[in-house]
Amino acid sequence: MSIRILATGSYVPERILSNADLEKMVDTSDEWIRTRTGIQSRHLGAPEQASSDLATIAAERALQKAGLTGKDLDAILVATITPDHAFPSTACLVQKNIGAAGAFCFDMAAACSGLIYALQTGYSLIKATPSIYRRVLVIGVEMPTRMVDWTNRNTCVLFGDGAGAVILGLDEADNGPDFLVASDLHTDGTLCDLLKLPAGGSRAPATAETVANKMHYIHMEGREVFKNAVAGMVNSSRAALERAGVKVEDVRWVIPHQANIRIIDAVSQRLGATAEQVYTNIDRMGNTSAASIGICLDELAEAGKLSSGDRVLITAFGGGLTWGAMLICW
C-alpha cells in the first residue's frame, strides 16, 4: 500500500476586497499594489466567521470528494497562526464540526510554511504506524486580515483569508510510490523578529498599552523577509529535487507560497522553472499564509490540471523563520 493524497478541498469567504476598495481606506492605489505585489483582490471572512469555520468547509469538501466522512479519519492536523482561541485548538473545533470523534487533533504554528510542515507530519504518522493512522486530514487555514493594521498600506494590502485541506491515506489498491517523493524543511529562530505578532502571548499579554501601541498587528521587516524568503525557498527546492534525482524541467507544476509576485518570480527564475510550470493565484487571493498552497492544489485538481504521476514542487516561507520544499507525486 502506498500513502497517497486521497482528495483536496478549499474554501475562501464570499466577501471580496479589491484594490479599488483599499484606495478608499488607505493611502494607496491599484497600480501601486499590483506592481509591487501582483495582488488585485483578496477574500475577507465575515464578522461571524473564524478560522475553524473556513477549515470546516474546506475539510467537508475534501471528505466529499474522497467519499469519506469524519468518522473515517484517524488524525486532524491544522496549520494556523490565527486560531479561534489560544485553546482549545482549532483542530478540536474542526473535529467537532465534521463528526470525527475518533480522530486525535492538534494545531501547528509555522506561519506560511504550515501546510508543508503539516503534510510532512501527517505523512510521518501514517508511515510510522500504518496500523493506527490510516487517514489523516491536513488543513492550512488563516485569517490574517484579523491581524493587520488597516491604516498601514505596507501590510494591509497583502493578506487574504482562506483554507486548504488535503486528505492523506493508505491506498490499498496502489503499490506504487508514496506521494511524498522528497522534502527539505528548515527553521532559523535567530531571525524570529523579522516577521512576528509582537503581543498577545505570554511574553506580552494583551493590555491597554499593547493595544494602543498596535502590538497586535503583524510586524514585518519587508526587505529582510524578501531576501530570506527567496534564498530559503530556492535552496530547499533545489535540495528536494536533488534528493529525488529529479530536474526542474521534469516537474509538472511548481507552486510557491503566494506571498508576493516578485518573490514568486525570483524563486521561479532561479530554479529555472518556466512560466507554464508555475501556478499562481495571488492576483485573486492575496497572501493566505498556510492556506495558500492547499488552495492552489485544490484549484489545479478541480480544473483537471493534475494527472496521476505528475510531479509537483511546493515551497513556502514564513515567520519563525520557517521554510521548506516538498516534491510530491500526484
C-alpha atoms as a PDB file:
ATOM      1  CA  MET A   1       0.000   0.000   0.000  1.00  0.00           C
ATOM      2  CA  SER A   2       1.180   3.493  -0.773  1.00  0.00           C
ATOM      3  CA  ILE A   3       0.471   6.751   1.046  1.00  0.00           C
ATOM      4  CA  ARG A   4      -1.450   8.951  -1.346  1.00  0.00           C
ATOM      5  CA  ILE A   5      -3.308  12.242  -1.470  1.00  0.00           C
ATOM      6  CA  LEU A   6      -6.872  10.961  -1.475  1.00  0.00           C
ATOM      7  CA  ALA A   7      -8.550  14.330  -2.022  1.00  0.00           C
ATOM      8  CA  THR A   8      -8.226  18.083  -1.635  1.00  0.00           C
ATOM      9  CA  GLY A   9     -10.673  20.812  -0.703  1.00  0.00           C
ATOM     10  CA  SER A  10     -10.623  24.562  -0.242  1.00  0.00           C
ATOM     11  CA  TYR A  11     -12.756  27.482   0.796  1.00  0.00           C
ATOM     12  CA  VAL A  12     -12.446  31.255   0.629  1.00  0.00           C
ATOM     13  CA  PRO A  13     -15.015  33.646   2.115  1.00  0.00           C
ATOM     14  CA  GLU A  14     -17.558  35.297  -0.161  1.00  0.00           C
ATOM     15  CA  ARG A  15     -16.567  38.906   0.533  1.00  0.00           C
ATOM     16  CA  ILE A  16     -14.015  40.251  -1.927  1.00  0.00           C
ATOM     17  CA  LEU A  17     -11.929  43.328  -1.156  1.00  0.00           C
ATOM     18  CA  SER A  18     -10.499  44.861  -4.326  1.00  0.00           C
ATOM     19  CA  ASN A  19      -7.624  47.272  -4.701  1.00  0.00           C
ATOM     20  CA  ALA A  20     -10.205  49.918  -5.604  1.00  0.00           C
ATOM     21  CA  ASP A  21     -11.841  49.314  -2.221  1.00  0.00           C
ATOM     22  CA  LEU A  22      -8.493  49.737  -0.487  1.00  0.00           C
ATOM     23  CA  GLU A  23      -7.933  53.048  -2.259  1.00  0.00           C
ATOM     24  CA  LYS A  24     -10.857  54.367  -0.208  1.00  0.00           C
ATOM     25  CA  MET A  25      -9.430  53.051   3.061  1.00  0.00           C
ATOM     26  CA  VAL A  26      -5.719  53.861   2.991  1.00  0.00           C
ATOM     27  CA  ASP A  27      -3.196  55.957   1.058  1.00  0.00           C
ATOM     28  CA  THR A  28      -2.551  53.567  -1.797  1.00  0.00           C
ATOM     29  CA  SER A  29      -3.539  52.831  -5.386  1.00  0.00           C
ATOM     30  CA  ASP A  30      -4.364  49.855  -7.545  1.00  0.00           C
ATOM     31  CA  GLU A  31      -1.223  50.472  -9.608  1.00  0.00           C
ATOM     32  CA  TRP A  32       0.989  50.651  -6.505  1.00  0.00           C
ATOM     33  CA  ILE A  33      -0.372  47.377  -5.128  1.00  0.00           C
ATOM     34  CA  ARG A  34      -0.317  45.446  -8.400  1.00  0.00           C
ATOM     35  CA  THR A  35       3.205  46.416  -9.425  1.00  0.00           C
ATOM     36  CA  ARG A  36       4.677  45.656  -6.000  1.00  0.00           C
ATOM     37  CA  THR A  37       2.693  42.558  -5.021  1.00  0.00           C
ATOM     38  CA  GLY A  38       0.742  41.239  -8.007  1.00  0.00           C
ATOM     39  CA  ILE A  39      -2.458  41.352  -5.957  1.00  0.00           C
ATOM     40  CA  GLN A  40      -5.697  42.687  -7.409  1.00  0.00           C
ATOM     41  CA  SER A  41      -8.190  41.405  -4.827  1.00  0.00           C
ATOM     42  CA  ARG A  42      -8.442  39.232  -1.738  1.00  0.00           C
ATOM     43  CA  HIS A  43     -11.177  37.479   0.286  1.00  0.00           C
ATOM     44  CA  LEU A  44     -12.211  38.580   3.776  1.00  0.00           C
ATOM     45  CA  GLY A  45     -14.039  36.469   6.317  1.00  0.00           C
ATOM     46  CA  ALA A  46     -17.431  37.663   7.534  1.00  0.00           C
ATOM     47  CA  PRO A  47     -17.540  39.127  11.060  1.00  0.00           C
ATOM     48  CA  GLU A  48     -19.155  35.965  12.402  1.00  0.00           C
ATOM     49  CA  GLN A  49     -16.607  33.634  10.775  1.00  0.00           C
ATOM     50  CA  ALA A  50     -13.498  32.257  12.469  1.00  0.00           C
ATOM     51  CA  SER A  51     -10.703  30.020  11.237  1.00  0.00           C
ATOM     52  CA  SER A  52     -12.498  26.834  12.285  1.00  0.00           C
ATOM     53  CA  ASP A  53     -15.464  27.779  10.093  1.00  0.00           C
ATOM     54  CA  LEU A  54     -13.283  28.173   6.992  1.00  0.00           C
ATOM     55  CA  ALA A  55     -11.358  24.991   7.824  1.00  0.00           C
ATOM     56  CA  THR A  56     -14.563  23.017   8.322  1.00  0.00           C
ATOM     57  CA  ILE A  57     -15.914  23.870   4.877  1.00  0.00           C
ATOM     58  CA  ALA A  58     -12.607  23.000   3.191  1.00  0.00           C
ATOM     59  CA  ALA A  59     -12.492  19.720   5.132  1.00  0.00           C
ATOM     60  CA  GLU A  60     -16.069  18.804   4.225  1.00  0.00           C
ATOM     61  CA  ARG A  61     -15.367  19.416   0.559  1.00  0.00           C
ATOM     62  CA  ALA A  62     -12.291  17.201   0.669  1.00  0.00           C
ATOM     63  CA  LEU A  63     -14.149  14.436   2.515  1.00  0.00           C
ATOM     64  CA  GLN A  64     -16.955  14.519  -0.029  1.00  0.00           C
ATOM     65  CA  LYS A  65     -14.501  14.140  -2.917  1.00  0.00           C
ATOM     66  CA  ALA A  66     -12.789  11.235  -1.159  1.00  0.00           C
ATOM     67  CA  GLY A  67     -16.085   9.508  -0.393  1.00  0.00           C
ATOM     68  CA  LEU A  68     -15.316   9.629   3.323  1.00  0.00           C
ATOM     69  CA  THR A  69     -16.890  11.000   6.492  1.00  0.00           C
ATOM     70  CA  GLY A  70     -15.310  12.439   9.593  1.00  0.00           C
ATOM     71  CA  LYS A  71     -15.612   9.031  11.267  1.00  0.00           C
ATOM     72  CA  ASP A  72     -13.102   7.643   8.767  1.00  0.00           C
ATOM     73  CA  LEU A  73     -10.312   9.956   9.959  1.00  0.00           C
ATOM     74  CA  ASP A  74      -7.612   8.940  12.421  1.00  0.00           C
ATOM     75  CA  ALA A  75      -5.983  12.355  12.895  1.00  0.00           C
ATOM     76  CA  ILE A  76      -6.574  16.018  12.111  1.00  0.00           C
ATOM     77  CA  LEU A  77      -3.674  18.471  11.808  1.00  0.00           C
ATOM     78  CA  VAL A  78      -4.445  22.155  11.413  1.00  0.00           C
ATOM     79  CA  ALA A  79      -1.681  24.566  10.409  1.00  0.00           C
ATOM     80  CA  THR A  80      -2.630  28.071  11.500  1.00  0.00           C
ATOM     81  CA  ILE A  81      -1.365  31.188  13.253  1.00  0.00           C
ATOM     82  CA  THR A  82      -4.888  32.592  13.514  1.00  0.00           C
ATOM     83  CA  PRO A  83      -6.638  30.019  15.717  1.00  0.00           C
ATOM     84  CA  ASP A  84     -10.129  30.652  17.040  1.00  0.00           C
ATOM     85  CA  HIS A  85      -8.708  30.574  20.579  1.00  0.00           C
ATOM     86  CA  ALA A  86      -5.392  30.052  22.340  1.00  0.00           C
ATOM     87  CA  PHE A  87      -7.107  26.835  23.401  1.00  0.00           C
ATOM     88  CA  PRO A  88      -8.861  24.617  22.566  1.00  0.00           C
ATOM     89  CA  SER A  89      -7.068  24.044  19.292  1.00  0.00           C
ATOM     90  CA  THR A  90      -8.772  24.851  16.017  1.00  0.00           C
ATOM     91  CA  ALA A  91      -8.300  21.185  15.105  1.00  0.00           C
ATOM     92  CA  CYS A  92     -10.535  20.216  18.040  1.00  0.00           C
ATOM     93  CA  LEU A  93     -13.253  22.534  16.740  1.00  0.00           C
ATOM     94  CA  VAL A  94     -12.986  21.095  13.240  1.00  0.00           C
ATOM     95  CA  GLN A  95     -13.194  17.585  14.701  1.00  0.00           C
ATOM     96  CA  LYS A  96     -16.462  18.507  16.416  1.00  0.00           C
ATOM     97  CA  ASN A  97     -17.869  20.162  13.297  1.00  0.00           C
ATOM     98  CA  ILE A  98     -17.219  17.253  10.929  1.00  0.00           C
ATOM     99  CA  GLY A  99     -18.104  14.463  13.344  1.00  0.00           C
ATOM    100  CA  ALA A 100     -14.623  12.988  13.586  1.00  0.00           C
ATOM    101  CA  ALA A 101     -14.840  11.878  17.205  1.00  0.00           C
ATOM    102  CA  GLY A 102     -12.271   9.108  16.776  1.00  0.00           C
ATOM    103  CA  ALA A 103      -9.502  11.346  15.442  1.00  0.00           C
ATOM    104  CA  PHE A 104      -6.807  12.874  17.597  1.00  0.00           C
ATOM    105  CA  CYS A 105      -6.156  16.523  16.803  1.00  0.00           C
ATOM    106  CA  PHE A 106      -3.662  19.323  17.202  1.00  0.00           C
ATOM    107  CA  ASP A 107      -2.614  22.655  15.700  1.00  0.00           C
ATOM    108  CA  MET A 108       0.759  23.565  14.215  1.00  0.00           C
ATOM    109  CA  ALA A 109       2.151  27.109  14.097  1.00  0.00           C
ATOM    110  CA  ALA A 110       4.687  27.500  11.285  1.00  0.00           C
ATOM    111  CA  ALA A 111       3.103  30.554   9.639  1.00  0.00           C
ATOM    112  CA  CYS A 112       3.164  30.415   5.825  1.00  0.00           C
ATOM    113  CA  SER A 113       5.173  27.159   5.845  1.00  0.00           C
ATOM    114  CA  GLY A 114       2.456  25.491   7.920  1.00  0.00           C
ATOM    115  CA  LEU A 115       0.897  23.254   5.286  1.00  0.00           C
ATOM    116  CA  ILE A 116       4.240  21.777   4.234  1.00  0.00           C
ATOM    117  CA  TYR A 117       5.165  21.142   7.866  1.00  0.00           C
ATOM    118  CA  ALA A 118       1.768  19.524   8.452  1.00  0.00           C
ATOM    119  CA  LEU A 119       1.979  17.360   5.327  1.00  0.00           C
ATOM    120  CA  GLN A 120       5.367  16.085   6.488  1.00  0.00           C
ATOM    121  CA  THR A 121       3.948  15.326   9.942  1.00  0.00           C
ATOM    122  CA  GLY A 122       0.833  13.630   8.591  1.00  0.00           C
ATOM    123  CA  TYR A 123       2.891  11.515   6.212  1.00  0.00           C
ATOM    124  CA  SER A 124       5.233  10.509   9.038  1.00  0.00           C
ATOM    125  CA  LEU A 125       2.306   9.438  11.246  1.00  0.00           C
ATOM    126  CA  ILE A 126       0.984   7.089   8.587  1.00  0.00           C
ATOM    127  CA  LYS A 127       4.438   5.831   7.593  1.00  0.00           C
ATOM    128  CA  ALA A 128       5.473   5.043  11.171  1.00  0.00           C
ATOM    129  CA  THR A 129       2.238   3.442  12.387  1.00  0.00           C
ATOM    130  CA  PRO A 130       0.008   2.463   9.454  1.00  0.00           C
ATOM    131  CA  SER A 131      -1.953   0.087  11.653  1.00  0.00           C
ATOM    132  CA  ILE A 132      -3.142   3.053  13.754  1.00  0.00           C
ATOM    133  CA  TYR A 133      -3.132   6.057  11.432  1.00  0.00           C
ATOM    134  CA  ARG A 134      -4.507   5.264   8.005  1.00  0.00           C
ATOM    135  CA  ARG A 135      -6.214   8.533   7.074  1.00  0.00           C
ATOM    136  CA  VAL A 136      -5.018  11.974   8.166  1.00  0.00           C
ATOM    137  CA  LEU A 137      -6.722  15.268   7.400  1.00  0.00           C
ATOM    138  CA  VAL A 138      -4.267  18.152   6.960  1.00  0.00           C
ATOM    139  CA  ILE A 139      -5.605  21.709   6.838  1.00  0.00           C
ATOM    140  CA  GLY A 140      -3.914  25.050   6.316  1.00  0.00           C
ATOM    141  CA  VAL A 141      -6.243  27.853   7.379  1.00  0.00           C
ATOM    142  CA  GLU A 142      -5.613  31.514   8.063  1.00  0.00           C
ATOM    143  CA  MET A 143      -7.475  34.739   8.668  1.00  0.00           C
ATOM    144  CA  PRO A 144      -4.542  37.168   8.593  1.00  0.00           C
ATOM    145  CA  THR A 145      -6.884  40.067   7.821  1.00  0.00           C
ATOM    146  CA  ARG A 146      -7.743  39.931  11.536  1.00  0.00           C
ATOM    147  CA  MET A 147      -4.115  40.749  12.366  1.00  0.00           C
ATOM    148  CA  VAL A 148      -3.356  43.635  10.001  1.00  0.00           C
ATOM    149  CA  ASP A 149      -3.345  47.357  10.674  1.00  0.00           C
ATOM    150  CA  TRP A 150      -5.779  48.720   8.116  1.00  0.00           C
ATOM    151  CA  THR A 151      -4.018  52.100   8.280  1.00  0.00           C
ATOM    152  CA  ASN A 152      -0.651  50.612   7.246  1.00  0.00           C
ATOM    153  CA  ARG A 153      -0.516  50.339   3.458  1.00  0.00           C
ATOM    154  CA  ASN A 154       2.642  48.217   3.560  1.00  0.00           C
ATOM    155  CA  THR A 155       0.887  45.272   5.190  1.00  0.00           C
ATOM    156  CA  CYS A 156      -2.889  45.616   4.914  1.00  0.00           C
ATOM    157  CA  VAL A 157      -2.846  45.216   1.123  1.00  0.00           C
ATOM    158  CA  LEU A 158      -1.063  41.868   1.264  1.00  0.00           C
ATOM    159  CA  PHE A 159      -3.331  39.420   3.027  1.00  0.00           C
ATOM    160  CA  GLY A 160      -6.483  37.424   2.414  1.00  0.00           C
ATOM    161  CA  ASP A 161      -8.429  34.734   4.286  1.00  0.00           C
ATOM    162  CA  GLY A 162      -8.901  31.127   3.230  1.00  0.00           C
ATOM    163  CA  ALA A 163      -8.463  27.419   3.913  1.00  0.00           C
ATOM    164  CA  GLY A 164      -6.999  24.476   2.019  1.00  0.00           C
ATOM    165  CA  ALA A 165      -7.429  20.822   3.019  1.00  0.00           C
ATOM    166  CA  VAL A 166      -5.605  17.652   1.988  1.00  0.00           C
ATOM    167  CA  ILE A 167      -6.572  14.112   2.986  1.00  0.00           C
ATOM    168  CA  LEU A 168      -3.654  11.682   3.203  1.00  0.00           C
ATOM    169  CA  GLY A 169      -4.268   7.974   3.364  1.00  0.00           C
ATOM    170  CA  LEU A 170      -3.204   4.439   2.604  1.00  0.00           C
ATOM    171  CA  ASP A 171      -4.298   3.356  -0.839  1.00  0.00           C
ATOM    172  CA  GLU A 172      -4.837  -0.390  -0.610  1.00  0.00           C
ATOM    173  CA  ALA A 173      -5.164  -0.715  -4.389  1.00  0.00           C
ATOM    174  CA  ASP A 174      -1.884   1.061  -5.136  1.00  0.00           C
ATOM    175  CA  ASN A 175       1.548  -0.454  -4.638  1.00  0.00           C
ATOM    176  CA  GLY A 176       3.282   2.483  -6.311  1.00  0.00           C
ATOM    177  CA  PRO A 177       5.447   5.189  -4.722  1.00  0.00           C
ATOM    178  CA  ASP A 178       4.207   7.372  -1.897  1.00  0.00           C
ATOM    179  CA  PHE A 179       3.006  10.872  -2.684  1.00  0.00           C
ATOM    180  CA  LEU A 180       5.963  12.368  -0.797  1.00  0.00           C
ATOM    181  CA  VAL A 181       9.000  11.922  -3.010  1.00  0.00           C
ATOM    182  CA  ALA A 182      11.428  14.209  -1.149  1.00  0.00           C
ATOM    183  CA  SER A 183      11.349  17.132   1.254  1.00  0.00           C
ATOM    184  CA  ASP A 184      13.605  19.711   2.851  1.00  0.00           C
ATOM    185  CA  LEU A 185      12.408  21.692   5.892  1.00  0.00           C
ATOM    186  CA  HIS A 186      14.215  24.346   7.937  1.00  0.00           C
ATOM    187  CA  THR A 187      13.839  26.819  10.790  1.00  0.00           C
ATOM    188  CA  ASP A 188      16.033  29.696  11.980  1.00  0.00           C
ATOM    189  CA  GLY A 189      14.792  31.119  15.277  1.00  0.00           C
ATOM    190  CA  THR A 190      17.565  33.723  15.345  1.00  0.00           C
ATOM    191  CA  LEU A 191      15.561  35.609  12.697  1.00  0.00           C
ATOM    192  CA  CYS A 192      12.275  35.453  14.581  1.00  0.00           C
ATOM    193  CA  ASP A 193      11.960  39.241  14.911  1.00  0.00           C
ATOM    194  CA  LEU A 194      11.760  39.802  11.158  1.00  0.00           C
ATOM    195  CA  LEU A 195       8.158  38.616  10.968  1.00  0.00           C
ATOM    196  CA  LYS A 196       6.001  38.341  14.057  1.00  0.00           C
ATOM    197  CA  LEU A 197       2.944  39.339  16.049  1.00  0.00           C
ATOM    198  CA  PRO A 198       4.544  41.200  18.976  1.00  0.00           C
ATOM    199  CA  ALA A 199       1.791  40.892  21.612  1.00  0.00           C
ATOM    200  CA  GLY A 200      -0.997  38.606  22.706  1.00  0.00           C
ATOM    201  CA  GLY A 201       1.066  35.731  24.108  1.00  0.00           C
ATOM    202  CA  SER A 202       2.739  35.118  27.464  1.00  0.00           C
ATOM    203  CA  ARG A 203       5.664  37.418  26.568  1.00  0.00           C
ATOM    204  CA  ALA A 204       3.399  40.438  26.151  1.00  0.00           C
ATOM    205  CA  PRO A 205      -0.164  39.724  27.289  1.00  0.00           C
ATOM    206  CA  ALA A 206      -2.894  41.987  25.987  1.00  0.00           C
ATOM    207  CA  THR A 207      -3.129  45.289  27.845  1.00  0.00           C
ATOM    208  CA  ALA A 208      -4.417  48.735  27.046  1.00  0.00           C
ATOM    209  CA  GLU A 209      -0.826  49.703  26.322  1.00  0.00           C
ATOM    210  CA  THR A 210      -0.181  46.869  23.852  1.00  0.00           C
ATOM    211  CA  VAL A 211      -3.382  47.729  22.026  1.00  0.00           C
ATOM    212  CA  ALA A 212      -2.551  51.442  21.915  1.00  0.00           C
ATOM    213  CA  ASN A 213       0.925  50.650  20.573  1.00  0.00           C
ATOM    214  CA  LYS A 214      -0.540  48.445  17.798  1.00  0.00           C
ATOM    215  CA  MET A 215       1.385  45.418  19.031  1.00  0.00           C
ATOM    216  CA  HIS A 216      -1.383  43.015  17.997  1.00  0.00           C
ATOM    217  CA  TYR A 217      -0.764  43.633  14.320  1.00  0.00           C
ATOM    218  CA  ILE A 218       1.654  41.839  12.005  1.00  0.00           C
ATOM    219  CA  HIS A 219       5.147  43.300  12.146  1.00  0.00           C
ATOM    220  CA  MET A 220       7.342  42.652   9.127  1.00  0.00           C
ATOM    221  CA  GLU A 221      10.802  43.775   8.055  1.00  0.00           C
ATOM    222  CA  GLY A 222       9.950  43.673   4.364  1.00  0.00           C
ATOM    223  CA  ARG A 223      13.369  43.794   2.718  1.00  0.00           C
ATOM    224  CA  GLU A 224      14.930  41.215   5.000  1.00  0.00           C
ATOM    225  CA  VAL A 225      11.933  38.923   4.689  1.00  0.00           C
ATOM    226  CA  PHE A 226      12.101  39.176   0.894  1.00  0.00           C
ATOM    227  CA  LYS A 227      15.789  38.305   0.810  1.00  0.00           C
ATOM    228  CA  ASN A 228      15.475  35.348   3.163  1.00  0.00           C
ATOM    229  CA  ALA A 229      12.281  34.104   1.519  1.00  0.00           C
ATOM    230  CA  VAL A 230      13.845  33.863  -1.923  1.00  0.00           C
ATOM    231  CA  ALA A 231      17.042  32.242  -0.674  1.00  0.00           C
ATOM    232  CA  GLY A 232      15.215  29.787   1.587  1.00  0.00           C
ATOM    233  CA  MET A 233      12.683  28.587  -0.982  1.00  0.00           C
ATOM    234  CA  VAL A 234      15.271  28.285  -3.758  1.00  0.00           C
ATOM    235  CA  ASN A 235      17.743  26.345  -1.601  1.00  0.00           C
ATOM    236  CA  SER A 236      15.102  23.990  -0.192  1.00  0.00           C
ATOM    237  CA  SER A 237      13.594  23.385  -3.615  1.00  0.00           C
ATOM    238  CA  ARG A 238      16.985  22.521  -5.049  1.00  0.00           C
ATOM    239  CA  ALA A 239      17.689  20.207  -2.131  1.00  0.00           C
ATOM    240  CA  ALA A 240      14.374  18.366  -2.505  1.00  0.00           C
ATOM    241  CA  LEU A 241      14.893  17.964  -6.254  1.00  0.00           C
ATOM    242  CA  GLU A 242      18.442  16.712  -5.740  1.00  0.00           C
ATOM    243  CA  ARG A 243      17.335  14.153  -3.139  1.00  0.00           C
ATOM    244  CA  ALA A 244      14.717  12.882  -5.564  1.00  0.00           C
ATOM    245  CA  GLY A 245      17.109  12.826  -8.500  1.00  0.00           C
ATOM    246  CA  VAL A 246      14.684  14.999 -10.448  1.00  0.00           C
ATOM    247  CA  LYS A 247      15.347  18.072 -12.577  1.00  0.00           C
ATOM    248  CA  VAL A 248      13.038  21.071 -12.517  1.00  0.00           C
ATOM    249  CA  GLU A 249      12.114  20.506 -16.164  1.00  0.00           C
ATOM    250  CA  ASP A 250      10.659  17.123 -15.130  1.00  0.00           C
ATOM    251  CA  VAL A 251       8.226  18.812 -12.729  1.00  0.00           C
ATOM    252  CA  ARG A 252       4.681  19.417 -13.979  1.00  0.00           C
ATOM    253  CA  TRP A 253       3.821  22.198 -11.537  1.00  0.00           C
ATOM    254  CA  VAL A 254       5.785  24.488  -9.253  1.00  0.00           C
ATOM    255  CA  ILE A 255       3.627  26.021  -6.525  1.00  0.00           C
ATOM    256  CA  PRO A 256       5.430  28.655  -4.459  1.00  0.00           C
ATOM    257  CA  HIS A 257       3.752  30.175  -1.433  1.00  0.00           C
ATOM    258  CA  GLN A 258       1.621  33.034  -2.703  1.00  0.00           C
ATOM    259  CA  ALA A 259       3.223  35.877  -0.772  1.00  0.00           C
ATOM    260  CA  ASN A 260       4.301  38.385  -3.383  1.00  0.00           C
ATOM    261  CA  ILE A 261       4.605  38.110  -7.169  1.00  0.00           C
ATOM    262  CA  ARG A 262       8.148  39.474  -7.030  1.00  0.00           C
ATOM    263  CA  ILE A 263       9.167  36.693  -4.645  1.00  0.00           C
ATOM    264  CA  ILE A 264       7.401  34.107  -6.814  1.00  0.00           C
ATOM    265  CA  ASP A 265       9.137  35.393  -9.955  1.00  0.00           C
ATOM    266  CA  ALA A 266      12.559  35.483  -8.286  1.00  0.00           C
ATOM    267  CA  VAL A 267      12.214  31.938  -6.956  1.00  0.00           C
ATOM    268  CA  SER A 268      10.928  30.610 -10.285  1.00  0.00           C
ATOM    269  CA  GLN A 269      13.695  32.238 -12.292  1.00  0.00           C
ATOM    270  CA  ARG A 270      16.462  30.982 -10.017  1.00  0.00           C
ATOM    271  CA  LEU A 271      15.056  27.453 -10.183  1.00  0.00           C
ATOM    272  CA  GLY A 272      14.815  27.638 -13.944  1.00  0.00           C
ATOM    273  CA  ALA A 273      11.078  26.963 -13.984  1.00  0.00           C
ATOM    274  CA  THR A 274       9.103  28.146 -16.990  1.00  0.00           C
ATOM    275  CA  ALA A 275       6.080  30.404 -16.768  1.00  0.00           C
ATOM    276  CA  GLU A 276       3.912  27.451 -17.852  1.00  0.00           C
ATOM    277  CA  GLN A 277       5.088  25.405 -14.868  1.00  0.00           C
ATOM    278  CA  VAL A 278       4.440  27.984 -12.147  1.00  0.00           C
ATOM    279  CA  TYR A 279       0.935  28.190 -10.705  1.00  0.00           C
ATOM    280  CA  THR A 280      -0.238  31.409  -9.105  1.00  0.00           C
ATOM    281  CA  ASN A 281      -3.500  32.757  -7.735  1.00  0.00           C
ATOM    282  CA  ILE A 282      -2.071  35.659  -5.753  1.00  0.00           C
ATOM    283  CA  ASP A 283      -3.867  38.120  -8.007  1.00  0.00           C
ATOM    284  CA  ARG A 284      -7.228  36.806  -6.720  1.00  0.00           C
ATOM    285  CA  MET A 285      -6.332  35.622  -3.218  1.00  0.00           C
ATOM    286  CA  GLY A 286      -3.508  37.700  -1.825  1.00  0.00           C
ATOM    287  CA  ASN A 287      -1.326  36.061   0.808  1.00  0.00           C
ATOM    288  CA  THR A 288      -3.415  33.457   2.633  1.00  0.00           C
ATOM    289  CA  SER A 289      -0.396  32.226   4.616  1.00  0.00           C
ATOM    290  CA  ALA A 290      -0.620  28.496   5.484  1.00  0.00           C
ATOM    291  CA  ALA A 291      -3.714  28.127   3.301  1.00  0.00           C
ATOM    292  CA  SER A 292      -2.138  29.260   0.033  1.00  0.00           C
ATOM    293  CA  ILE A 293      -0.559  26.029  -1.239  1.00  0.00           C
ATOM    294  CA  GLY A 294      -3.597  23.949  -0.284  1.00  0.00           C
ATOM    295  CA  ILE A 295      -5.889  26.315  -2.171  1.00  0.00           C
ATOM    296  CA  CYS A 296      -3.600  26.168  -5.216  1.00  0.00           C
ATOM    297  CA  LEU A 297      -3.535  22.354  -5.177  1.00  0.00           C
ATOM    298  CA  ASP A 298      -7.310  22.196  -4.971  1.00  0.00           C
ATOM    299  CA  GLU A 299      -7.757  24.708  -7.789  1.00  0.00           C
ATOM    300  CA  LEU A 300      -5.463  22.669 -10.038  1.00  0.00           C
ATOM    301  CA  ALA A 301      -7.255  19.438  -9.153  1.00  0.00           C
ATOM    302  CA  GLU A 302     -10.690  20.968  -9.730  1.00  0.00           C
ATOM    303  CA  ALA A 303      -9.593  22.320 -13.105  1.00  0.00           C
ATOM    304  CA  GLY A 304      -8.369  18.877 -14.184  1.00  0.00           C
ATOM    305  CA  LYS A 305      -4.804  20.095 -14.472  1.00  0.00           C
ATOM    306  CA  LEU A 306      -3.301  17.338 -12.341  1.00  0.00           C
ATOM    307  CA  SER A 307      -2.851  13.803 -13.670  1.00  0.00           C
ATOM    308  CA  SER A 308      -1.748  10.665 -11.876  1.00  0.00           C
ATOM    309  CA  GLY A 309       2.032  10.575 -11.679  1.00  0.00           C
ATOM    310  CA  ASP A 310       2.513  14.317 -12.099  1.00  0.00           C
ATOM    311  CA  ARG A 311       5.385  15.693 -10.051  1.00  0.00           C
ATOM    312  CA  VAL A 312       4.530  18.865  -8.121  1.00  0.00           C
ATOM    313  CA  LEU A 313       7.088  21.005  -6.307  1.00  0.00           C
ATOM    314  CA  ILE A 314       5.652  23.032  -3.429  1.00  0.00           C
ATOM    315  CA  THR A 315       7.702  25.512  -1.434  1.00  0.00           C
ATOM    316  CA  ALA A 316       6.970  28.078   1.259  1.00  0.00           C
ATOM    317  CA  PHE A 317       8.495  30.542   3.696  1.00  0.00           C
ATOM    318  CA  GLY A 318       7.090  32.131   6.833  1.00  0.00           C
ATOM    319  CA  GLY A 319       7.587  33.639  10.255  1.00  0.00           C
ATOM    320  CA  GLY A 320       9.815  31.718  12.605  1.00  0.00           C
ATOM    321  CA  LEU A 321      11.652  31.925  10.335  1.00  0.00           C
ATOM    322  CA  THR A 322      10.435  28.728   8.712  1.00  0.00           C
ATOM    323  CA  TRP A 323      10.839  27.492   5.168  1.00  0.00           C
ATOM    324  CA  GLY A 324      10.885  24.335   3.132  1.00  0.00           C
ATOM    325  CA  ALA A 325      10.029  22.484  -0.032  1.00  0.00           C
ATOM    326  CA  MET A 326       8.407  19.200  -0.922  1.00  0.00           C
ATOM    327  CA  LEU A 327       8.339  17.235  -4.141  1.00  0.00           C
ATOM    328  CA  ILE A 328       5.128  15.262  -4.356  1.00  0.00           C
ATOM    329  CA  CYS A 329       3.746  12.719  -6.820  1.00  0.00           C
ATOM    330  CA  TRP A 330       0.074  13.178  -7.623  1.00  0.00           C
END
